[in-house]
PDB file of N, CA and C in Angstrom:
ATOM      1  N   MET A   1     -14.709   9.523  10.378  1.00  0.00           N
ATOM      2  CA  MET A   1     -14.217   8.179  10.052  1.00  0.00           C
ATOM      3  C   MET A   1     -13.417   8.128   8.665  1.00  0.00           C
ATOM      4  N   LYS A   2     -12.468   7.380   9.213  1.00  0.00           N
ATOM      5  CA  LYS A   2     -11.290   7.421   7.965  1.00  0.00           C
ATOM      6  C   LYS A   2     -11.873   5.982   6.928  1.00  0.00           C
ATOM      7  N   GLY A   3     -11.997   5.984   5.816  1.00  0.00           N
ATOM      8  CA  GLY A   3     -12.073   5.274   4.837  1.00  0.00           C
ATOM      9  C   GLY A   3     -13.131   3.988   5.010  1.00  0.00           C
ATOM     10  N   PHE A   4     -14.618   4.837   4.944  1.00  0.00           N
ATOM     11  CA  PHE A   4     -15.721   4.243   5.269  1.00  0.00           C
ATOM     12  C   PHE A   4     -15.961   3.203   4.222  1.00  0.00           C
ATOM     13  N   LYS A   5     -15.734   3.778   3.157  1.00  0.00           N
ATOM     14  CA  LYS A   5     -15.904   3.022   1.825  1.00  0.00           C
ATOM     15  C   LYS A   5     -14.983   2.034   1.726  1.00  0.00           C
ATOM     16  N   ASN A   6     -13.736   1.833   2.416  1.00  0.00           N
ATOM     17  CA  ASN A   6     -12.774   0.725   2.118  1.00  0.00           C
ATOM     18  C   ASN A   6     -13.447  -0.382   3.272  1.00  0.00           C
ATOM     19  N   VAL A   7     -13.980  -0.095   4.421  1.00  0.00           N
ATOM     20  CA  VAL A   7     -14.328  -0.662   5.360  1.00  0.00           C
ATOM     21  C   VAL A   7     -15.667  -1.715   4.838  1.00  0.00           C
ATOM     22  N   VAL A   8     -16.240  -0.969   3.971  1.00  0.00           N
ATOM     23  CA  VAL A   8     -17.517  -1.717   3.371  1.00  0.00           C
ATOM     24  C   VAL A   8     -17.214  -2.415   2.504  1.00  0.00           C
ATOM     25  N   LEU A   9     -16.282  -1.832   1.399  1.00  0.00           N
ATOM     26  CA  LEU A   9     -16.047  -2.887   0.448  1.00  0.00           C
ATOM     27  C   LEU A   9     -15.146  -4.226   1.238  1.00  0.00           C
ATOM     28  N   MET A  10     -14.285  -3.493   1.872  1.00  0.00           N
ATOM     29  CA  MET A  10     -13.422  -5.004   2.632  1.00  0.00           C
ATOM     30  C   MET A  10     -14.574  -5.920   3.128  1.00  0.00           C
ATOM     31  N   SER A  11     -15.833  -5.281   4.073  1.00  0.00           N
ATOM     32  CA  SER A  11     -16.514  -6.320   4.465  1.00  0.00           C
ATOM     33  C   SER A  11     -17.354  -7.155   3.542  1.00  0.00           C
ATOM     34  N   LEU A  12     -17.602  -6.640   2.387  1.00  0.00           N
ATOM     35  CA  LEU A  12     -18.168  -7.142   1.172  1.00  0.00           C
ATOM     36  C   LEU A  12     -17.579  -8.647   0.659  1.00  0.00           C
ATOM     37  N   ALA A  13     -16.132  -8.141   0.589  1.00  0.00           N
ATOM     38  CA  ALA A  13     -15.153  -8.945  -0.057  1.00  0.00           C
ATOM     39  C   ALA A  13     -15.165 -10.416   1.207  1.00  0.00           C
ATOM     40  N   ILE A  14     -15.097 -10.286   2.551  1.00  0.00           N
ATOM     41  CA  ILE A  14     -14.911 -11.029   3.423  1.00  0.00           C
ATOM     42  C   ILE A  14     -16.234 -11.873   3.508  1.00  0.00           C
ATOM     43  N   GLY A  15     -17.397 -11.061   3.412  1.00  0.00           N
ATOM     44  CA  GLY A  15     -18.647 -11.958   3.255  1.00  0.00           C
ATOM     45  C   GLY A  15     -18.661 -12.855   2.089  1.00  0.00           C
ATOM     46  N   MET A  16     -18.410 -12.380   0.919  1.00  0.00           N
ATOM     47  CA  MET A  16     -18.107 -12.890  -0.162  1.00  0.00           C
ATOM     48  C   MET A  16     -17.072 -14.193  -0.144  1.00  0.00           C
ATOM     49  N   LEU A  17     -16.078 -14.115   0.226  1.00  0.00           N
ATOM     50  CA  LEU A  17     -15.223 -15.154   0.672  1.00  0.00           C
ATOM     51  C   LEU A  17     -15.696 -16.303   1.739  1.00  0.00           C
ATOM     52  N   PHE A  18     -16.256 -16.017   2.675  1.00  0.00           N
ATOM     53  CA  PHE A  18     -17.101 -16.647   3.585  1.00  0.00           C
ATOM     54  C   PHE A  18     -18.270 -17.652   2.774  1.00  0.00           C
ATOM     55  N   TYR A  19     -18.543 -16.825   2.221  1.00  0.00           N
ATOM     56  CA  TYR A  19     -20.228 -17.628   1.145  1.00  0.00           C
ATOM     57  C   TYR A  19     -19.622 -18.529   0.346  1.00  0.00           C
ATOM     58  N   ALA A  20     -18.571 -18.339  -0.569  1.00  0.00           N
ATOM     59  CA  ALA A  20     -18.114 -19.164  -1.484  1.00  0.00           C
ATOM     60  C   ALA A  20     -17.145 -20.505  -0.976  1.00  0.00           C
ATOM     61  N   ILE A  21     -16.156 -20.118  -0.141  1.00  0.00           N
ATOM     62  CA  ILE A  21     -15.397 -21.289   0.403  1.00  0.00           C
ATOM     63  C   ILE A  21     -16.162 -22.556   0.557  1.00  0.00           C
ATOM     64  N   PRO A  22     -17.302 -22.444   1.241  1.00  0.00           N
ATOM     65  CA  PRO A  22     -17.877 -23.812   1.638  1.00  0.00           C
ATOM     66  C   PRO A  22     -18.379 -24.691   0.318  1.00  0.00           C
ATOM     67  N   GLN A  23     -18.533 -23.863  -0.413  1.00  0.00           N
ATOM     68  CA  GLN A  23     -18.880 -24.008  -2.030  1.00  0.00           C
ATOM     69  C   GLN A  23     -18.427 -24.592  -3.138  1.00  0.00           C
ATOM     70  N   MET A  24     -16.835 -24.510  -2.687  1.00  0.00           N
ATOM     71  CA  MET A  24     -15.860 -24.650  -3.595  1.00  0.00           C
ATOM     72  C   MET A  24     -15.248 -26.103  -3.236  1.00  0.00           C
ATOM     73  N   ASP A  25     -15.308 -26.844  -4.452  1.00  0.00           N
ATOM     74  CA  ASP A  25     -14.558 -28.285  -4.183  1.00  0.00           C
ATOM     75  C   ASP A  25     -12.794 -28.299  -4.120  1.00  0.00           C
ATOM     76  N   LEU A  26     -12.380 -28.355  -3.017  1.00  0.00           N
ATOM     77  CA  LEU A  26     -10.679 -28.009  -2.702  1.00  0.00           C
ATOM     78  C   LEU A  26     -10.208 -29.285  -2.395  1.00  0.00           C
ATOM     79  N   ARG A  27     -11.256 -30.269  -2.524  1.00  0.00           N
ATOM     80  CA  ARG A  27     -10.345 -31.508  -2.068  1.00  0.00           C
ATOM     81  C   ARG A  27      -9.868 -32.317  -3.114  1.00  0.00           C
ATOM     82  N   ALA A  28     -10.402 -32.204  -4.453  1.00  0.00           N
ATOM     83  CA  ALA A  28      -9.971 -32.906  -5.344  1.00  0.00           C
ATOM     84  C   ALA A  28      -8.609 -32.630  -6.104  1.00  0.00           C
ATOM     85  N   ALA A  29      -8.020 -33.359  -6.923  1.00  0.00           N
ATOM     86  CA  ALA A  29      -6.863 -33.403  -7.461  1.00  0.00           C
ATOM     87  C   ALA A  29      -6.930 -31.712  -8.109  1.00  0.00           C
ATOM     88  N   TRP A  30      -5.273 -31.807  -8.852  1.00  0.00           N
ATOM     89  CA  TRP A  30      -5.505 -30.272  -9.770  1.00  0.00           C
ATOM     90  C   TRP A  30      -6.403 -30.502 -10.776  1.00  0.00           C
ATOM     91  N   THR A  31      -7.505 -30.143 -10.939  1.00  0.00           N
ATOM     92  CA  THR A  31      -8.380 -29.884 -11.843  1.00  0.00           C
ATOM     93  C   THR A  31      -8.578 -28.717 -12.348  1.00  0.00           C
ATOM     94  N   LEU A  32      -9.188 -28.306 -13.247  1.00  0.00           N
ATOM     95  CA  LEU A  32      -9.639 -26.508 -13.675  1.00  0.00           C
ATOM     96  C   LEU A  32     -10.205 -26.321 -12.436  1.00  0.00           C
ATOM     97  N   PRO A  33     -11.357 -26.853 -11.795  1.00  0.00           N
ATOM     98  CA  PRO A  33     -12.320 -26.122 -10.867  1.00  0.00           C
ATOM     99  C   PRO A  33     -11.345 -25.651  -9.392  1.00  0.00           C
ATOM    100  N   THR A  34     -10.492 -26.836  -9.136  1.00  0.00           N
ATOM    101  CA  THR A  34      -9.698 -26.773  -8.253  1.00  0.00           C
ATOM    102  C   THR A  34      -9.149 -25.481  -8.327  1.00  0.00           C
ATOM    103  N   ILE A  35      -8.375 -25.549  -9.388  1.00  0.00           N
ATOM    104  CA  ILE A  35      -7.104 -24.393  -9.575  1.00  0.00           C
ATOM    105  C   ILE A  35      -8.133 -22.902  -9.700  1.00  0.00           C
ATOM    106  N   PHE A  36      -9.415 -22.832 -10.458  1.00  0.00           N
ATOM    107  CA  PHE A  36      -9.765 -21.709 -10.435  1.00  0.00           C
ATOM    108  C   PHE A  36     -10.012 -21.367  -8.875  1.00  0.00           C
ATOM    109  N   SER A  37     -10.559 -22.198  -7.906  1.00  0.00           N
ATOM    110  CA  SER A  37     -11.116 -21.772  -7.002  1.00  0.00           C
ATOM    111  C   SER A  37     -10.010 -21.314  -5.834  1.00  0.00           C
ATOM    112  N   ILE A  38      -8.785 -21.921  -6.192  1.00  0.00           N
ATOM    113  CA  ILE A  38      -7.571 -21.336  -5.432  1.00  0.00           C
ATOM    114  C   ILE A  38      -7.130 -20.080  -5.798  1.00  0.00           C
ATOM    115  N   LEU A  39      -6.992 -19.830  -7.123  1.00  0.00           N
ATOM    116  CA  LEU A  39      -6.727 -18.523  -7.838  1.00  0.00           C
ATOM    117  C   LEU A  39      -7.939 -17.373  -7.067  1.00  0.00           C
ATOM    118  N   TRP A  40      -9.234 -17.697  -7.147  1.00  0.00           N
ATOM    119  CA  TRP A  40      -9.982 -16.909  -6.974  1.00  0.00           C
ATOM    120  C   TRP A  40     -10.169 -16.392  -5.176  1.00  0.00           C
ATOM    121  N   ILE A  41      -9.840 -17.578  -4.460  1.00  0.00           N
ATOM    122  CA  ILE A  41      -9.626 -17.327  -2.891  1.00  0.00           C
ATOM    123  C   ILE A  41      -8.107 -16.346  -2.892  1.00  0.00           C
ATOM    124  N   MET A  42      -7.154 -16.678  -3.930  1.00  0.00           N
ATOM    125  CA  MET A  42      -5.888 -15.517  -3.559  1.00  0.00           C
ATOM    126  C   MET A  42      -6.325 -14.112  -3.932  1.00  0.00           C
ATOM    127  N   MET A  43      -7.456 -14.097  -5.018  1.00  0.00           N
ATOM    128  CA  MET A  43      -7.630 -12.845  -5.674  1.00  0.00           C
ATOM    129  C   MET A  43      -8.547 -12.233  -4.512  1.00  0.00           C
ATOM    130  N   ALA A  44      -9.644 -12.474  -3.929  1.00  0.00           N
ATOM    131  CA  ALA A  44     -10.253 -11.899  -2.653  1.00  0.00           C
ATOM    132  C   ALA A  44      -9.317 -11.641  -1.712  1.00  0.00           C
ATOM    133  N   LEU A  45      -8.664 -12.539  -1.405  1.00  0.00           N
ATOM    134  CA  LEU A  45      -7.973 -12.386  -0.332  1.00  0.00           C
ATOM    135  C   LEU A  45      -6.616 -10.874  -0.400  1.00  0.00           C
ATOM    136  N   LEU A  46      -6.202 -11.101  -2.133  1.00  0.00           N
ATOM    137  CA  LEU A  46      -5.776  -9.797  -2.183  1.00  0.00           C
ATOM    138  C   LEU A  46      -6.378  -8.577  -2.197  1.00  0.00           C
ATOM    139  N   VAL A  47      -7.593  -8.496  -2.574  1.00  0.00           N
ATOM    140  CA  VAL A  47      -8.485  -7.302  -2.526  1.00  0.00           C
ATOM    141  C   VAL A  47      -8.627  -7.099  -1.029  1.00  0.00           C
ATOM    142  N   ILE A  48      -8.939  -7.907  -0.188  1.00  0.00           N
ATOM    143  CA  ILE A  48      -9.114  -7.484   1.401  1.00  0.00           C
ATOM    144  C   ILE A  48      -7.811  -6.809   1.942  1.00  0.00           C
ATOM    145  N   ALA A  49      -6.496  -7.538   1.647  1.00  0.00           N
ATOM    146  CA  ALA A  49      -5.309  -6.993   2.042  1.00  0.00           C
ATOM    147  C   ALA A  49      -5.505  -5.392   1.368  1.00  0.00           C
ATOM    148  N   ALA A  50      -5.648  -5.327   0.390  1.00  0.00           N
ATOM    149  CA  ALA A  50      -5.711  -3.805  -0.403  1.00  0.00           C
ATOM    150  C   ALA A  50      -6.246  -3.136   0.405  1.00  0.00           C
ATOM    151  N   HIS A  51      -7.700  -3.465   0.724  1.00  0.00           N
ATOM    152  CA  HIS A  51      -8.687  -2.615   1.317  1.00  0.00           C
ATOM    153  C   HIS A  51      -7.998  -2.064   2.878  1.00  0.00           C
ATOM    154  N   LEU A  52      -7.177  -3.266   3.709  1.00  0.00           N
ATOM    155  CA  LEU A  52      -6.976  -3.293   4.735  1.00  0.00           C
ATOM    156  C   LEU A  52      -5.636  -2.359   4.888  1.00  0.00           C
ATOM    157  N   HIS A  53      -4.892  -2.201   4.140  1.00  0.00           N
ATOM    158  CA  HIS A  53      -3.727  -1.614   3.791  1.00  0.00           C
ATOM    159  C   HIS A  53      -4.126  -0.163   3.660  1.00  0.00           C
ATOM    160  N   HIS A  54      -5.025   0.310   3.224  1.00  0.00           N
ATOM    161  CA  HIS A  54      -5.368   1.505   2.854  1.00  0.00           C
ATOM    162  C   HIS A  54      -6.256   2.138   4.422  1.00  0.00           C
ATOM    163  N   ILE A  55      -6.902   1.351   4.685  1.00  0.00           N
ATOM    164  CA  ILE A  55      -7.566   1.537   6.171  1.00  0.00           C
ATOM    165  C   ILE A  55      -6.656   2.159   7.489  1.00  0.00           C
ATOM    166  N   LEU A  56      -5.495   1.036   7.312  1.00  0.00           N
ATOM    167  CA  LEU A  56      -4.413   1.359   8.439  1.00  0.00           C
ATOM    168  C   LEU A  56      -3.376   2.566   8.088  1.00  0.00           C
ATOM    169  N   GLY A  57      -3.880   3.145   7.095  1.00  0.00           N
ATOM    170  CA  GLY A  57      -2.978   4.376   6.461  1.00  0.00           C
ATOM    171  C   GLY A  57      -1.272   4.176   6.328  1.00  0.00           C
ATOM    172  N   VAL A  58      -1.146   3.151   5.850  1.00  0.00           N
ATOM    173  CA  VAL A  58       0.347   2.847   5.459  1.00  0.00           C
ATOM    174  C   VAL A  58       0.796   3.822   4.426  1.00  0.00           C
ATOM    175  N   ASP A  59      -0.061   4.360   3.768  1.00  0.00           N
ATOM    176  CA  ASP A  59       0.536   5.039   2.624  1.00  0.00           C
ATOM    177  C   ASP A  59       0.494   6.562   3.195  1.00  0.00           C
ATOM    178  N   GLU A  60      -0.170   6.682   4.027  1.00  0.00           N
ATOM    179  CA  GLU A  60       0.075   8.186   4.641  1.00  0.00           C
ATOM    180  C   GLU A  60       1.312   8.195   5.470  1.00  0.00           C
ATOM    181  N   GLU A  61       1.577   7.279   6.287  1.00  0.00           N
ATOM    182  CA  GLU A  61       3.108   7.028   7.044  1.00  0.00           C
ATOM    183  C   GLU A  61       4.170   7.192   6.020  1.00  0.00           C
ATOM    184  N   LYS A  62       3.737   6.444   4.843  1.00  0.00           N
ATOM    185  CA  LYS A  62       4.986   6.585   3.665  1.00  0.00           C
ATOM    186  C   LYS A  62       5.268   8.186   3.189  1.00  0.00           C
ATOM    187  N   ARG A  63       4.041   8.828   3.095  1.00  0.00           N
ATOM    188  CA  ARG A  63       4.028   9.855   2.242  1.00  0.00           C
ATOM    189  C   ARG A  63       4.647  11.002   3.345  1.00  0.00           C
ATOM    190  N   LYS A  64       4.596  10.915   4.720  1.00  0.00           N
ATOM    191  CA  LYS A  64       5.310  11.757   5.340  1.00  0.00           C
ATOM    192  C   LYS A  64       6.765  11.634   5.713  1.00  0.00           C
ATOM    193  N   GLU A  65       7.151  10.123   5.712  1.00  0.00           N
ATOM    194  CA  GLU A  65       8.317   9.966   5.816  1.00  0.00           C
ATOM    195  C   GLU A  65       9.318  10.584   4.515  1.00  0.00           C
ATOM    196  N   LEU A  66       8.502  10.325   3.371  1.00  0.00           N
ATOM    197  CA  LEU A  66       9.206  10.937   2.047  1.00  0.00           C
ATOM    198  C   LEU A  66       9.058  12.462   2.159  1.00  0.00           C
ATOM    199  N   ASN A  67       8.354  13.000   2.688  1.00  0.00           N
ATOM    200  CA  ASN A  67       8.314  14.671   2.605  1.00  0.00           C
ATOM    201  C   ASN A  67       9.608  15.009   3.850  1.00  0.00           C
ATOM    202  N   ARG A  68       9.419  14.139   4.453  1.00  0.00           N
ATOM    203  CA  ARG A  68      10.810  14.633   5.877  1.00  0.00           C
ATOM    204  C   ARG A  68      11.943  14.565   4.926  1.00  0.00           C
ATOM    205  N   ILE A  69      12.231  13.429   4.090  1.00  0.00           N
ATOM    206  CA  ILE A  69      13.369  13.013   3.512  1.00  0.00           C
ATOM    207  C   ILE A  69      13.780  14.286   2.655  1.00  0.00           C
ATOM    208  N   ASN A  70      12.709  14.422   1.920  1.00  0.00           N
ATOM    209  CA  ASN A  70      12.711  15.548   0.690  1.00  0.00           C
ATOM    210  C   ASN A  70      13.132  17.072   1.241  1.00  0.00           C
ATOM    211  N   ARG A  71      12.576  17.423   2.613  1.00  0.00           N
ATOM    212  CA  ARG A  71      12.883  18.442   2.804  1.00  0.00           C
ATOM    213  C   ARG A  71      14.450  18.397   3.755  1.00  0.00           C
ATOM    214  N   MET A  72      14.752  17.655   4.069  1.00  0.00           N
ATOM    215  CA  MET A  72      16.012  17.503   4.454  1.00  0.00           C
ATOM    216  C   MET A  72      17.102  17.755   3.334  1.00  0.00           C
ATOM    217  N   LYS A  73      16.462  16.814   1.945  1.00  0.00           N
ATOM    218  CA  LYS A  73      17.344  16.965   0.920  1.00  0.00           C
ATOM    219  C   LYS A  73      17.324  18.618   0.440  1.00  0.00           C
ATOM    220  N   ARG A  74      16.364  19.388   0.616  1.00  0.00           N
ATOM    221  CA  ARG A  74      16.458  20.724   0.009  1.00  0.00           C
ATOM    222  C   ARG A  74      17.127  21.415   0.847  1.00  0.00           C
ATOM    223  N   TRP A  75      17.174  20.847   2.425  1.00  0.00           N
ATOM    224  CA  TRP A  75      17.805  22.025   3.137  1.00  0.00           C
ATOM    225  C   TRP A  75      19.260  21.666   3.106  1.00  0.00           C
ATOM    226  N   GLN A  76      19.848  20.353   2.841  1.00  0.00           N
ATOM    227  CA  GLN A  76      21.215  20.284   2.563  1.00  0.00           C
ATOM    228  C   GLN A  76      21.416  21.021   1.557  1.00  0.00           C
ATOM    229  N   LEU A  77      20.905  20.921   0.391  1.00  0.00           N
ATOM    230  CA  LEU A  77      21.240  21.803  -1.217  1.00  0.00           C
ATOM    231  C   LEU A  77      21.141  23.208  -0.746  1.00  0.00           C
ATOM    232  N   GLU A  78      20.234  23.757   0.085  1.00  0.00           N
ATOM    233  CA  GLU A  78      20.577  25.009   0.472  1.00  0.00           C
ATOM    234  C   GLU A  78      21.684  25.386   1.132  1.00  0.00           C
ATOM    235  N   GLN A  79      22.230  24.648   2.126  1.00  0.00           N
ATOM    236  CA  GLN A  79      23.371  24.802   3.009  1.00  0.00           C
ATOM    237  C   GLN A  79      24.477  24.711   2.143  1.00  0.00           C
ATOM    238  N   LEU A  80      24.410  23.577   0.881  1.00  0.00           N
ATOM    239  CA  LEU A  80      25.799  23.647   0.043  1.00  0.00           C
ATOM    240  C   LEU A  80      25.768  25.026  -0.923  1.00  0.00           C
ATOM    241  N   VAL A  81      24.344  25.366  -1.338  1.00  0.00           N
ATOM    242  CA  VAL A  81      24.661  26.726  -2.318  1.00  0.00           C
ATOM    243  C   VAL A  81      25.278  27.926  -1.443  1.00  0.00           C
ATOM    244  N   GLN A  82      24.633  28.141  -0.363  1.00  0.00           N
ATOM    245  CA  GLN A  82      25.194  29.013   0.679  1.00  0.00           C
ATOM    246  C   GLN A  82      26.591  29.188   0.942  1.00  0.00           C
ATOM    247  N   GLY A  83      27.402  27.705   1.424  1.00  0.00           N
ATOM    248  CA  GLY A  83      28.274  27.439   1.646  1.00  0.00           C
ATOM    249  C   GLY A  83      29.523  28.137   0.321  1.00  0.00           C
ATOM    250  N   ARG A  84      28.996  27.575  -1.040  1.00  0.00           N
ATOM    251  CA  ARG A  84      29.707  27.964  -2.256  1.00  0.00           C
ATOM    252  C   ARG A  84      29.723  29.701  -2.353  1.00  0.00           C
ATOM    253  N   ARG A  85      28.536  30.170  -2.011  1.00  0.00           N
ATOM    254  CA  ARG A  85      28.285  31.535  -2.186  1.00  0.00           C
ATOM    255  C   ARG A  85      29.597  32.431  -1.496  1.00  0.00           C
ATOM    256  N   LYS A  86      29.587  31.848  -0.250  1.00  0.00           N
ATOM    257  CA  LYS A  86      30.205  32.544   0.751  1.00  0.00           C
ATOM    258  C   LYS A  86      31.854  32.201   0.406  1.00  0.00           C
ATOM    259  N   MET A  87      31.798  30.920  -0.065  1.00  0.00           N
ATOM    260  CA  MET A  87      33.551  31.118  -1.026  1.00  0.00           C
ATOM    261  C   MET A  87      33.790  31.970  -1.745  1.00  0.00           C
ATOM    262  N   LEU A  88      33.026  31.844  -2.921  1.00  0.00           N
ATOM    263  CA  LEU A  88      33.022  32.689  -3.987  1.00  0.00           C
ATOM    264  C   LEU A  88      33.333  34.252  -3.427  1.00  0.00           C
ATOM    265  N   GLN A  89      32.756  34.693  -2.559  1.00  0.00           N
ATOM    266  CA  GLN A  89      32.239  36.283  -1.744  1.00  0.00           C
ATOM    267  C   GLN A  89      33.928  36.323  -1.238  1.00  0.00           C
ATOM    268  N   PHE A  90      34.400  34.921  -0.761  1.00  0.00           N
ATOM    269  CA  PHE A  90      35.511  35.062   0.233  1.00  0.00           C
ATOM    270  C   PHE A  90      36.782  35.216  -0.575  1.00  0.00           C
ATOM    271  N   ARG A  91      36.884  34.726  -1.884  1.00  0.00           N
ATOM    272  CA  ARG A  91      37.818  34.688  -3.014  1.00  0.00           C
ATOM    273  C   ARG A  91      38.010  36.282  -3.549  1.00  0.00           C
ATOM    274  N   LYS A  92      36.788  36.829  -3.641  1.00  0.00           N
ATOM    275  CA  LYS A  92      36.891  38.125  -4.410  1.00  0.00           C
ATOM    276  C   LYS A  92      37.500  39.117  -3.583  1.00  0.00           C
TER     277      LYS A  92
END
């Protein structure tokens, strides 16, 4: 099971969000408690998004793509070095 810890932590963050939102006063004008409530909700959503990002394995796909690109660059460099070596041997 992939990322069990992340699933548990994301569930806790969602539960905390569902518990806190009804108790926050978001209908008032731009008062300090309203601003704090909005920032707190945004932070909780950011935590949930980070755990979801890790659970979905977006980092692994990115890492695999970067490895593929690096292998291609190394292969191209090897071809360039071998081509120059052959040119030097041909000139002699």
